[in-house]
Amino acid sequence: MSDAILSKATAQIEAAGADPVLRPAITAFFDEATFTVSYVVADPATREAAVIDSVLDYEAAAGRTSTASADRIIAHITSENLKVTWLIETHAHADHLSAAPYLQEKLGGKLAIGREIQRVQDVFGKLFNAGTEFARDGSQFDHLFADGETFMIGSIPAIALHVPGHTPADMAYVVGDAAFVGDTLFMPDYGTARADFPGGDARQLYRSIRRLLSLPRETRLFMCHDYKAPGRDTFAWETTVEEQRGGNVHVHDGVSEEEFVEMRTSRDSTLAVPNLILPSVQVNIRGGHFPQPESNGVSYIKIPINAI
């Protein structure tokens, strides 16, 4: 089936391959506590930049936040004299809290996510009994990306791709010749993301991954997480379409949709619930903001009992 959006992304990647000016400078920040990789994606010519999938440090036992991870990003942006124009989320994460509001306060930029976040807000708004005061229209974000929407980071073109399956709202962002794939894929030796969260769908995930792996083989792919596959001693988060197609242990070329769905469904049934899913999703569907403080000035995270 024809995919005009994918064709546009392919043309962008090919143009960046031919012209180094169209390739972004990418700096990764790995948070080992949540195994999350955040990225600063910059245009060297204009010094404009985007921050993708930032992390707010959260100590669950004490209910305390801190900003060491985000401050590392701020220090880099300051030292490189960058101007942040975008704060981008690939999806509403279930394993860490977003630091986007803190970064926005310090650095500026528009906070953005895929427009299907509205579906995630509706599902989890009900789970947390958030009430009518919780808007389920994505208005907590400055911008909601549609599938195929183009934007710029300085003079470098970018395009948003809707890649549901892990959640209904997952997006990948192709910036120049690089794609930031969120939780669709992990490194080839580790495989693919789970699809058993509310709204997740293993069949959709397979199709989203095949869409990404239809990009040019030389496309640089940047993961949102790494957990070190058995036998690998170092963390890693950059690969290529070619490497994924040839060696991804779950979804390399030749794995059928039915085989993948059977594997993913069986595997997901053995996985534990992520440690921070309840605080993370509760905050991230609000654009990284905590619930409104109560009469004593304190914000509270709800933990629904026997509900997931």
C-alpha atoms as a PDB file:
ATOM      1  CA  MET A   1       0.000   0.000   0.000  1.00  0.00           C
ATOM      2  CA  SER A   2       1.318   3.451  -0.899  1.00  0.00           C
ATOM      3  CA  ASP A   3       2.531   5.618   1.984  1.00  0.00           C
ATOM      4  CA  ALA A   4       2.982   9.195   0.793  1.00  0.00           C
ATOM      5  CA  ILE A   5       4.173  10.293   4.225  1.00  0.00           C
ATOM      6  CA  LEU A   6       6.876   7.640   4.248  1.00  0.00           C
ATOM      7  CA  SER A   7       7.911   8.714   0.766  1.00  0.00           C
ATOM      8  CA  LYS A   8       8.296  12.273   2.012  1.00  0.00           C
ATOM      9  CA  ALA A   9      10.402  11.094   4.951  1.00  0.00           C
ATOM     10  CA  THR A  10      12.538   8.992   2.606  1.00  0.00           C
ATOM     11  CA  ALA A  11      13.185  11.984   0.342  1.00  0.00           C
ATOM     12  CA  GLN A  12      14.203  14.042   3.371  1.00  0.00           C
ATOM     13  CA  ILE A  13      16.647  11.371   4.557  1.00  0.00           C
ATOM     14  CA  GLU A  14      18.158  11.013   1.096  1.00  0.00           C
ATOM     15  CA  ALA A  15      18.606  14.781   0.825  1.00  0.00           C
ATOM     16  CA  ALA A  16      20.360  14.855   4.199  1.00  0.00           C
ATOM     17  CA  GLY A  17      22.593  12.006   3.079  1.00  0.00           C
ATOM     18  CA  ALA A  18      23.719  14.122   0.163  1.00  0.00           C
ATOM     19  CA  ASP A  19      24.135  17.385   2.096  1.00  0.00           C
ATOM     20  CA  PRO A  20      25.789  17.432   5.555  1.00  0.00           C
ATOM     21  CA  VAL A  21      24.147  20.792   6.302  1.00  0.00           C
ATOM     22  CA  LEU A  22      20.823  18.965   6.595  1.00  0.00           C
ATOM     23  CA  ARG A  23      22.071  16.525   9.256  1.00  0.00           C
ATOM     24  CA  PRO A  24      21.485  17.365  12.922  1.00  0.00           C
ATOM     25  CA  ALA A  25      24.046  17.262  15.701  1.00  0.00           C
ATOM     26  CA  ILE A  26      22.774  14.784  18.297  1.00  0.00           C
ATOM     27  CA  THR A  27      23.817  14.548  21.936  1.00  0.00           C
ATOM     28  CA  ALA A  28      22.450  11.735  24.093  1.00  0.00           C
ATOM     29  CA  PHE A  29      21.848  11.805  27.853  1.00  0.00           C
ATOM     30  CA  PHE A  30      21.354   8.404  29.460  1.00  0.00           C
ATOM     31  CA  ASP A  31      19.462   8.082  32.754  1.00  0.00           C
ATOM     32  CA  GLU A  32      20.451   4.711  34.176  1.00  0.00           C
ATOM     33  CA  ALA A  33      17.823   4.847  36.927  1.00  0.00           C
ATOM     34  CA  THR A  34      15.064   4.549  34.300  1.00  0.00           C
ATOM     35  CA  PHE A  35      17.189   3.269  31.386  1.00  0.00           C
ATOM     36  CA  THR A  36      15.956   6.262  29.364  1.00  0.00           C
ATOM     37  CA  VAL A  37      17.835   8.169  26.687  1.00  0.00           C
ATOM     38  CA  SER A  38      17.047  11.852  26.186  1.00  0.00           C
ATOM     39  CA  TYR A  39      18.366  13.760  23.202  1.00  0.00           C
ATOM     40  CA  VAL A  40      19.380  17.282  22.301  1.00  0.00           C
ATOM     41  CA  VAL A  41      18.972  17.570  18.534  1.00  0.00           C
ATOM     42  CA  ALA A  42      20.573  20.722  17.145  1.00  0.00           C
ATOM     43  CA  ASP A  43      21.102  22.554  13.892  1.00  0.00           C
ATOM     44  CA  PRO A  44      24.784  23.593  13.927  1.00  0.00           C
ATOM     45  CA  ALA A  45      24.091  26.408  11.459  1.00  0.00           C
ATOM     46  CA  THR A  46      21.380  28.258  13.390  1.00  0.00           C
ATOM     47  CA  ARG A  47      22.053  26.855  16.907  1.00  0.00           C
ATOM     48  CA  GLU A  48      18.351  26.007  17.250  1.00  0.00           C
ATOM     49  CA  ALA A  49      17.598  22.754  19.044  1.00  0.00           C
ATOM     50  CA  ALA A  50      14.947  20.325  20.254  1.00  0.00           C
ATOM     51  CA  VAL A  51      14.961  18.246  23.421  1.00  0.00           C
ATOM     52  CA  ILE A  52      13.371  14.822  23.000  1.00  0.00           C
ATOM     53  CA  ASP A  53      12.083  12.678  25.914  1.00  0.00           C
ATOM     54  CA  SER A  54      13.542  14.466  28.924  1.00  0.00           C
ATOM     55  CA  VAL A  55      13.606  12.907  32.420  1.00  0.00           C
ATOM     56  CA  LEU A  56      12.593  14.359  35.792  1.00  0.00           C
ATOM     57  CA  ASP A  57      14.292  12.460  38.617  1.00  0.00           C
ATOM     58  CA  TYR A  58      11.724  10.929  40.955  1.00  0.00           C
ATOM     59  CA  GLU A  59      12.250   9.027  44.193  1.00  0.00           C
ATOM     60  CA  ALA A  60       9.090   6.974  44.508  1.00  0.00           C
ATOM     61  CA  ALA A  61       9.554   5.906  48.123  1.00  0.00           C
ATOM     62  CA  ALA A  62       9.728   9.502  49.345  1.00  0.00           C
ATOM     63  CA  GLY A  63       7.594  11.120  46.642  1.00  0.00           C
ATOM     64  CA  ARG A  64      10.381  13.596  45.913  1.00  0.00           C
ATOM     65  CA  THR A  65      11.572  15.034  42.623  1.00  0.00           C
ATOM     66  CA  SER A  66      14.931  16.466  41.642  1.00  0.00           C
ATOM     67  CA  THR A  67      16.389  17.874  38.447  1.00  0.00           C
ATOM     68  CA  ALA A  68      19.937  16.525  38.101  1.00  0.00           C
ATOM     69  CA  SER A  69      19.164  14.788  34.786  1.00  0.00           C
ATOM     70  CA  ALA A  70      17.452  17.849  33.334  1.00  0.00           C
ATOM     71  CA  ASP A  71      20.206  20.124  34.622  1.00  0.00           C
ATOM     72  CA  ARG A  72      22.762  18.154  32.612  1.00  0.00           C
ATOM     73  CA  ILE A  73      20.753  18.976  29.509  1.00  0.00           C
ATOM     74  CA  ILE A  74      20.536  22.642  30.488  1.00  0.00           C
ATOM     75  CA  ALA A  75      24.304  22.791  31.073  1.00  0.00           C
ATOM     76  CA  HIS A  76      24.941  21.331  27.610  1.00  0.00           C
ATOM     77  CA  ILE A  77      22.534  23.710  25.908  1.00  0.00           C
ATOM     78  CA  THR A  78      24.061  26.676  27.708  1.00  0.00           C
ATOM     79  CA  SER A  79      27.641  25.660  26.940  1.00  0.00           C
ATOM     80  CA  GLU A  80      26.821  25.124  23.260  1.00  0.00           C
ATOM     81  CA  ASN A  81      24.885  28.395  23.049  1.00  0.00           C
ATOM     82  CA  LEU A  82      21.785  26.639  21.732  1.00  0.00           C
ATOM     83  CA  LYS A  83      18.256  28.010  21.521  1.00  0.00           C
ATOM     84  CA  VAL A  84      15.547  25.475  22.342  1.00  0.00           C
ATOM     85  CA  THR A  85      12.541  25.747  20.048  1.00  0.00           C
ATOM     86  CA  TRP A  86      10.919  22.351  20.723  1.00  0.00           C
ATOM     87  CA  LEU A  87      10.431  20.082  23.742  1.00  0.00           C
ATOM     88  CA  ILE A  88       9.181  16.865  22.180  1.00  0.00           C
ATOM     89  CA  GLU A  89       7.719  13.683  23.666  1.00  0.00           C
ATOM     90  CA  THR A  90       7.506  10.472  21.660  1.00  0.00           C
ATOM     91  CA  HIS A  91       4.574   9.350  23.876  1.00  0.00           C
ATOM     92  CA  ALA A  92       3.221   9.491  27.423  1.00  0.00           C
ATOM     93  CA  HIS A  93       5.934   7.424  29.085  1.00  0.00           C
ATOM     94  CA  ALA A  94       5.165   4.759  31.678  1.00  0.00           C
ATOM     95  CA  ASP A  95       8.683   4.468  33.098  1.00  0.00           C
ATOM     96  CA  HIS A  96       9.772   8.010  33.885  1.00  0.00           C
ATOM     97  CA  LEU A  97       8.367  11.468  34.527  1.00  0.00           C
ATOM     98  CA  SER A  98       8.908  14.154  31.913  1.00  0.00           C
ATOM     99  CA  ALA A  99      11.037  17.177  32.804  1.00  0.00           C
ATOM    100  CA  ALA A 100       9.563  19.229  29.955  1.00  0.00           C
ATOM    101  CA  PRO A 101       7.821  21.857  32.122  1.00  0.00           C
ATOM    102  CA  TYR A 102      11.045  22.469  34.079  1.00  0.00           C
ATOM    103  CA  LEU A 103      13.074  22.741  30.870  1.00  0.00           C
ATOM    104  CA  GLN A 104      10.477  25.007  29.311  1.00  0.00           C
ATOM    105  CA  GLU A 105      10.655  27.333  32.306  1.00  0.00           C
ATOM    106  CA  LYS A 106      14.449  27.490  32.017  1.00  0.00           C
ATOM    107  CA  LEU A 107      14.915  27.361  28.260  1.00  0.00           C
ATOM    108  CA  GLY A 108      11.651  28.127  26.462  1.00  0.00           C
ATOM    109  CA  GLY A 109      10.428  26.152  23.469  1.00  0.00           C
ATOM    110  CA  LYS A 110       7.097  24.590  22.495  1.00  0.00           C
ATOM    111  CA  LEU A 111       6.017  21.386  24.261  1.00  0.00           C
ATOM    112  CA  ALA A 112       4.726  18.867  21.724  1.00  0.00           C
ATOM    113  CA  ILE A 113       3.423  15.310  21.458  1.00  0.00           C
ATOM    114  CA  GLY A 114       1.315  13.304  19.001  1.00  0.00           C
ATOM    115  CA  ARG A 115      -2.338  14.294  18.777  1.00  0.00           C
ATOM    116  CA  GLU A 116      -3.536  10.806  19.716  1.00  0.00           C
ATOM    117  CA  ILE A 117      -2.542  11.729  23.276  1.00  0.00           C
ATOM    118  CA  GLN A 118      -6.224  12.593  23.615  1.00  0.00           C
ATOM    119  CA  ARG A 119      -7.063   8.864  23.512  1.00  0.00           C
ATOM    120  CA  VAL A 120      -4.482   8.121  26.196  1.00  0.00           C
ATOM    121  CA  GLN A 121      -5.797  10.976  28.343  1.00  0.00           C
ATOM    122  CA  ASP A 122      -9.313   9.597  28.072  1.00  0.00           C
ATOM    123  CA  VAL A 123      -8.297   6.064  29.130  1.00  0.00           C
ATOM    124  CA  PHE A 124      -6.074   7.105  32.009  1.00  0.00           C
ATOM    125  CA  GLY A 125      -8.266  10.020  33.046  1.00  0.00           C
ATOM    126  CA  LYS A 126     -10.911   7.407  33.862  1.00  0.00           C
ATOM    127  CA  LEU A 127      -8.404   5.121  35.611  1.00  0.00           C
ATOM    128  CA  PHE A 128      -7.298   7.962  37.902  1.00  0.00           C
ATOM    129  CA  ASN A 129     -10.830   9.329  38.277  1.00  0.00           C
ATOM    130  CA  ALA A 130      -9.385  12.696  37.278  1.00  0.00           C
ATOM    131  CA  GLY A 131     -12.756  14.422  37.043  1.00  0.00           C
ATOM    132  CA  THR A 132     -14.021  17.068  34.684  1.00  0.00           C
ATOM    133  CA  GLU A 133     -11.256  19.485  35.679  1.00  0.00           C
ATOM    134  CA  PHE A 134      -8.772  17.289  33.788  1.00  0.00           C
ATOM    135  CA  ALA A 135      -8.913  18.278  30.116  1.00  0.00           C
ATOM    136  CA  ARG A 136      -8.743  15.362  27.701  1.00  0.00           C
ATOM    137  CA  ASP A 137      -8.104  17.450  24.587  1.00  0.00           C
ATOM    138  CA  GLY A 138      -4.307  17.659  24.671  1.00  0.00           C
ATOM    139  CA  SER A 139      -4.425  21.299  25.757  1.00  0.00           C
ATOM    140  CA  GLN A 140      -1.674  20.675  28.326  1.00  0.00           C
ATOM    141  CA  PHE A 141       0.705  20.697  25.355  1.00  0.00           C
ATOM    142  CA  ASP A 142       1.569  23.608  23.078  1.00  0.00           C
ATOM    143  CA  HIS A 143       1.368  21.540  19.916  1.00  0.00           C
ATOM    144  CA  LEU A 144      -0.091  18.179  18.857  1.00  0.00           C
ATOM    145  CA  PHE A 145       1.646  16.583  15.879  1.00  0.00           C
ATOM    146  CA  ALA A 146      -0.369  14.842  13.180  1.00  0.00           C
ATOM    147  CA  ASP A 147       0.960  11.937  11.136  1.00  0.00           C
ATOM    148  CA  GLY A 148       3.079  13.369   8.336  1.00  0.00           C
ATOM    149  CA  GLU A 149       3.279  16.851   9.766  1.00  0.00           C
ATOM    150  CA  THR A 150       6.487  18.670   8.887  1.00  0.00           C
ATOM    151  CA  PHE A 151       8.365  21.141  11.058  1.00  0.00           C
ATOM    152  CA  MET A 152      11.816  22.663  11.337  1.00  0.00           C
ATOM    153  CA  ILE A 153      14.640  22.618  13.841  1.00  0.00           C
ATOM    154  CA  GLY A 154      16.476  25.678  12.639  1.00  0.00           C
ATOM    155  CA  SER A 155      17.147  24.992   8.954  1.00  0.00           C
ATOM    156  CA  ILE A 156      16.880  21.214   9.286  1.00  0.00           C
ATOM    157  CA  PRO A 157      13.581  19.682   8.142  1.00  0.00           C
ATOM    158  CA  ALA A 158      11.709  17.189  10.308  1.00  0.00           C
ATOM    159  CA  ILE A 159       8.623  15.047   9.926  1.00  0.00           C
ATOM    160  CA  ALA A 160       6.386  13.333  12.503  1.00  0.00           C
ATOM    161  CA  LEU A 161       5.333   9.716  11.953  1.00  0.00           C
ATOM    162  CA  HIS A 162       2.491   8.078  13.870  1.00  0.00           C
ATOM    163  CA  VAL A 163       3.701   4.650  15.025  1.00  0.00           C
ATOM    164  CA  PRO A 164       1.057   3.231  17.396  1.00  0.00           C
ATOM    165  CA  GLY A 165       1.177  -0.160  19.067  1.00  0.00           C
ATOM    166  CA  HIS A 166       3.108   0.390  22.281  1.00  0.00           C
ATOM    167  CA  THR A 167       0.469   3.039  23.012  1.00  0.00           C
ATOM    168  CA  PRO A 168      -2.105   4.595  20.660  1.00  0.00           C
ATOM    169  CA  ALA A 169      -0.197   7.884  20.632  1.00  0.00           C
ATOM    170  CA  ASP A 170       3.397   6.864  19.894  1.00  0.00           C
ATOM    171  CA  MET A 171       5.239   9.062  17.444  1.00  0.00           C
ATOM    172  CA  ALA A 172       8.622   8.829  15.751  1.00  0.00           C
ATOM    173  CA  TYR A 173      10.359  11.987  14.597  1.00  0.00           C
ATOM    174  CA  VAL A 174      12.613  12.002  11.554  1.00  0.00           C
ATOM    175  CA  VAL A 175      15.019  14.940  11.771  1.00  0.00           C
ATOM    176  CA  GLY A 176      17.296  15.233   8.746  1.00  0.00           C
ATOM    177  CA  ASP A 177      18.708  11.714   8.362  1.00  0.00           C
ATOM    178  CA  ALA A 178      17.949  10.587  11.931  1.00  0.00           C
ATOM    179  CA  ALA A 179      14.810   8.981  13.368  1.00  0.00           C
ATOM    180  CA  PHE A 180      13.903   9.074  17.055  1.00  0.00           C
ATOM    181  CA  VAL A 181      11.690   6.023  17.435  1.00  0.00           C
ATOM    182  CA  GLY A 182      10.530   6.206  21.057  1.00  0.00           C
ATOM    183  CA  ASP A 183       9.401   2.841  22.447  1.00  0.00           C
ATOM    184  CA  THR A 184       8.706   1.041  19.184  1.00  0.00           C
ATOM    185  CA  LEU A 185      12.143  -0.547  18.882  1.00  0.00           C
ATOM    186  CA  PHE A 186      15.082  -1.340  21.131  1.00  0.00           C
ATOM    187  CA  MET A 187      18.595  -2.218  20.010  1.00  0.00           C
ATOM    188  CA  PRO A 188      18.649  -5.178  17.607  1.00  0.00           C
ATOM    189  CA  ASP A 189      19.930  -7.592  20.255  1.00  0.00           C
ATOM    190  CA  TYR A 190      17.100  -6.637  22.650  1.00  0.00           C
ATOM    191  CA  GLY A 191      14.097  -6.505  20.342  1.00  0.00           C
ATOM    192  CA  THR A 192      10.895  -4.496  20.547  1.00  0.00           C
ATOM    193  CA  ALA A 193       8.610  -2.698  22.980  1.00  0.00           C
ATOM    194  CA  ARG A 194       5.737  -4.302  24.868  1.00  0.00           C
ATOM    195  CA  ALA A 195       2.194  -3.810  23.602  1.00  0.00           C
ATOM    196  CA  ASP A 196       0.050  -4.744  26.611  1.00  0.00           C
ATOM    197  CA  PHE A 197      -0.629  -1.314  28.103  1.00  0.00           C
ATOM    198  CA  PRO A 198      -4.188   0.076  27.753  1.00  0.00           C
ATOM    199  CA  GLY A 199      -4.662   0.887  24.085  1.00  0.00           C
ATOM    200  CA  GLY A 200      -1.588  -1.107  23.057  1.00  0.00           C
ATOM    201  CA  ASP A 201      -1.793  -3.530  20.155  1.00  0.00           C
ATOM    202  CA  ALA A 202       0.896  -5.985  19.021  1.00  0.00           C
ATOM    203  CA  ARG A 203      -0.451  -6.081  15.472  1.00  0.00           C
ATOM    204  CA  GLN A 204      -0.332  -2.302  15.220  1.00  0.00           C
ATOM    205  CA  LEU A 205       3.170  -2.332  16.675  1.00  0.00           C
ATOM    206  CA  TYR A 206       4.374  -4.738  13.991  1.00  0.00           C
ATOM    207  CA  ARG A 207       2.961  -2.555  11.239  1.00  0.00           C
ATOM    208  CA  SER A 208       4.461   0.576  12.784  1.00  0.00           C
ATOM    209  CA  ILE A 209       7.866  -1.085  12.998  1.00  0.00           C
ATOM    210  CA  ARG A 210       7.688  -2.252   9.398  1.00  0.00           C
ATOM    211  CA  ARG A 211       6.833   1.319   8.448  1.00  0.00           C
ATOM    212  CA  LEU A 212       9.950   2.581  10.192  1.00  0.00           C
ATOM    213  CA  LEU A 213      12.071  -0.170   8.695  1.00  0.00           C
ATOM    214  CA  SER A 214      10.890   0.858   5.217  1.00  0.00           C
ATOM    215  CA  LEU A 215      12.961   4.021   5.564  1.00  0.00           C
ATOM    216  CA  PRO A 216      16.329   4.019   3.750  1.00  0.00           C
ATOM    217  CA  ARG A 217      18.720   1.419   5.155  1.00  0.00           C
ATOM    218  CA  GLU A 218      21.264   4.068   6.141  1.00  0.00           C
ATOM    219  CA  THR A 219      18.772   5.956   8.332  1.00  0.00           C
ATOM    220  CA  ARG A 220      20.172   6.505  11.815  1.00  0.00           C
ATOM    221  CA  LEU A 221      17.776   5.214  14.487  1.00  0.00           C
ATOM    222  CA  PHE A 222      17.886   6.487  18.068  1.00  0.00           C
ATOM    223  CA  MET A 223      16.266   4.435  20.835  1.00  0.00           C
ATOM    224  CA  CYS A 224      14.442   5.817  23.879  1.00  0.00           C
ATOM    225  CA  HIS A 225      15.653   3.004  26.161  1.00  0.00           C
ATOM    226  CA  ASP A 226      18.356   0.408  26.560  1.00  0.00           C
ATOM    227  CA  TYR A 227      18.587  -2.408  29.101  1.00  0.00           C
ATOM    228  CA  LYS A 228      21.769  -4.167  27.881  1.00  0.00           C
ATOM    229  CA  ALA A 229      20.874  -7.417  26.194  1.00  0.00           C
ATOM    230  CA  PRO A 230      22.352 -10.616  27.654  1.00  0.00           C
ATOM    231  CA  GLY A 231      26.009 -10.813  26.708  1.00  0.00           C
ATOM    232  CA  ARG A 232      26.393  -7.071  26.105  1.00  0.00           C
ATOM    233  CA  ASP A 233      28.297  -5.143  28.776  1.00  0.00           C
ATOM    234  CA  THR A 234      27.637  -1.549  27.690  1.00  0.00           C
ATOM    235  CA  PHE A 235      24.531   0.512  27.111  1.00  0.00           C
ATOM    236  CA  ALA A 236      23.780   1.471  23.496  1.00  0.00           C
ATOM    237  CA  TRP A 237      21.075   3.465  21.772  1.00  0.00           C
ATOM    238  CA  GLU A 238      22.068   4.202  18.174  1.00  0.00           C
ATOM    239  CA  THR A 239      21.607   1.791  15.285  1.00  0.00           C
ATOM    240  CA  THR A 240      20.393   1.873  11.663  1.00  0.00           C
ATOM    241  CA  VAL A 241      17.486   0.573   9.649  1.00  0.00           C
ATOM    242  CA  GLU A 242      19.844  -1.886   7.986  1.00  0.00           C
ATOM    243  CA  GLU A 243      21.045  -3.265  11.326  1.00  0.00           C
ATOM    244  CA  GLN A 244      17.479  -3.609  12.615  1.00  0.00           C
ATOM    245  CA  ARG A 245      16.249  -5.325   9.469  1.00  0.00           C
ATOM    246  CA  GLY A 246      19.152  -7.741   9.498  1.00  0.00           C
ATOM    247  CA  GLY A 247      19.419  -8.535  13.177  1.00  0.00           C
ATOM    248  CA  ASN A 248      16.521  -7.470  15.403  1.00  0.00           C
ATOM    249  CA  VAL A 249      15.795 -10.553  17.489  1.00  0.00           C
ATOM    250  CA  HIS A 250      12.036  -9.971  17.372  1.00  0.00           C
ATOM    251  CA  VAL A 251      11.305  -8.379  14.035  1.00  0.00           C
ATOM    252  CA  HIS A 252      14.133  -8.872  11.530  1.00  0.00           C
ATOM    253  CA  ASP A 253      13.274  -9.300   7.868  1.00  0.00           C
ATOM    254  CA  GLY A 254      11.392 -12.541   7.385  1.00  0.00           C
ATOM    255  CA  VAL A 255       9.404 -12.428  10.636  1.00  0.00           C
ATOM    256  CA  SER A 256       5.720 -12.413   9.706  1.00  0.00           C
ATOM    257  CA  GLU A 257       3.034 -10.364  11.378  1.00  0.00           C
ATOM    258  CA  GLU A 258       1.425 -13.475  12.844  1.00  0.00           C
ATOM    259  CA  GLU A 259       4.747 -14.730  14.221  1.00  0.00           C
ATOM    260  CA  PHE A 260       5.449 -11.362  15.800  1.00  0.00           C
ATOM    261  CA  VAL A 261       1.982 -11.034  17.351  1.00  0.00           C
ATOM    262  CA  GLU A 262       2.219 -14.525  18.856  1.00  0.00           C
ATOM    263  CA  MET A 263       5.711 -13.823  20.243  1.00  0.00           C
ATOM    264  CA  ARG A 264       4.878 -10.359  21.552  1.00  0.00           C
ATOM    265  CA  THR A 265       1.610 -11.423  23.193  1.00  0.00           C
ATOM    266  CA  SER A 266       3.227 -14.413  24.879  1.00  0.00           C
ATOM    267  CA  ARG A 267       6.221 -12.395  26.045  1.00  0.00           C
ATOM    268  CA  ASP A 268       4.125  -9.506  27.344  1.00  0.00           C
ATOM    269  CA  SER A 269       2.123 -11.862  29.550  1.00  0.00           C
ATOM    270  CA  THR A 270       5.310 -12.574  31.530  1.00  0.00           C
ATOM    271  CA  LEU A 271       6.383  -8.956  32.074  1.00  0.00           C
ATOM    272  CA  ALA A 272       5.986  -7.110  35.343  1.00  0.00           C
ATOM    273  CA  VAL A 273       4.232  -3.747  35.514  1.00  0.00           C
ATOM    274  CA  PRO A 274       6.810  -0.920  35.252  1.00  0.00           C
ATOM    275  CA  ASN A 275       7.806   0.432  38.662  1.00  0.00           C
ATOM    276  CA  LEU A 276       6.804   4.013  37.908  1.00  0.00           C
ATOM    277  CA  ILE A 277       3.799   3.499  35.635  1.00  0.00           C
ATOM    278  CA  LEU A 278       1.230   5.050  37.989  1.00  0.00           C
ATOM    279  CA  PRO A 279       3.088   8.264  38.826  1.00  0.00           C
ATOM    280  CA  SER A 280       4.598   8.538  35.351  1.00  0.00           C
ATOM    281  CA  VAL A 281       1.444   8.259  33.282  1.00  0.00           C
ATOM    282  CA  GLN A 282      -0.518  10.390  35.732  1.00  0.00           C
ATOM    283  CA  VAL A 283       1.999  13.210  35.289  1.00  0.00           C
ATOM    284  CA  ASN A 284       2.864  12.730  31.626  1.00  0.00           C
ATOM    285  CA  ILE A 285      -0.723  12.880  30.361  1.00  0.00           C
ATOM    286  CA  ARG A 286      -0.684  16.357  31.938  1.00  0.00           C
ATOM    287  CA  GLY A 287       2.317  17.407  29.872  1.00  0.00           C
ATOM    288  CA  GLY A 288       4.711  16.699  32.735  1.00  0.00           C
ATOM    289  CA  HIS A 289       2.762  18.727  35.291  1.00  0.00           C
ATOM    290  CA  PHE A 290       1.653  17.311  38.628  1.00  0.00           C
ATOM    291  CA  PRO A 291      -2.022  17.312  39.613  1.00  0.00           C
ATOM    292  CA  GLN A 292      -3.258  20.607  40.985  1.00  0.00           C
ATOM    293  CA  PRO A 293      -2.212  21.206  44.616  1.00  0.00           C
ATOM    294  CA  GLU A 294      -4.897  20.553  47.200  1.00  0.00           C
ATOM    295  CA  SER A 295      -5.997  22.969  49.917  1.00  0.00           C
ATOM    296  CA  ASN A 296      -2.751  22.480  51.839  1.00  0.00           C
ATOM    297  CA  GLY A 297      -0.645  23.429  48.822  1.00  0.00           C
ATOM    298  CA  VAL A 298       0.601  19.875  48.205  1.00  0.00           C
ATOM    299  CA  SER A 299       0.175  17.871  44.980  1.00  0.00           C
ATOM    300  CA  TYR A 300      -0.785  14.219  45.344  1.00  0.00           C
ATOM    301  CA  ILE A 301      -0.253  11.207  43.097  1.00  0.00           C
ATOM    302  CA  LYS A 302      -3.164   8.745  43.129  1.00  0.00           C
ATOM    303  CA  ILE A 303      -2.490   5.021  43.367  1.00  0.00           C
ATOM    304  CA  PRO A 304      -5.636   3.148  42.285  1.00  0.00           C
ATOM    305  CA  ILE A 305      -5.953  -0.135  44.173  1.00  0.00           C
ATOM    306  CA  ASN A 306      -6.508  -3.364  42.219  1.00  0.00           C
ATOM    307  CA  ALA A 307      -7.242  -1.375  39.065  1.00  0.00           C
ATOM    308  CA  ILE A 308      -4.474  -2.480  36.716  1.00  0.00           C
END
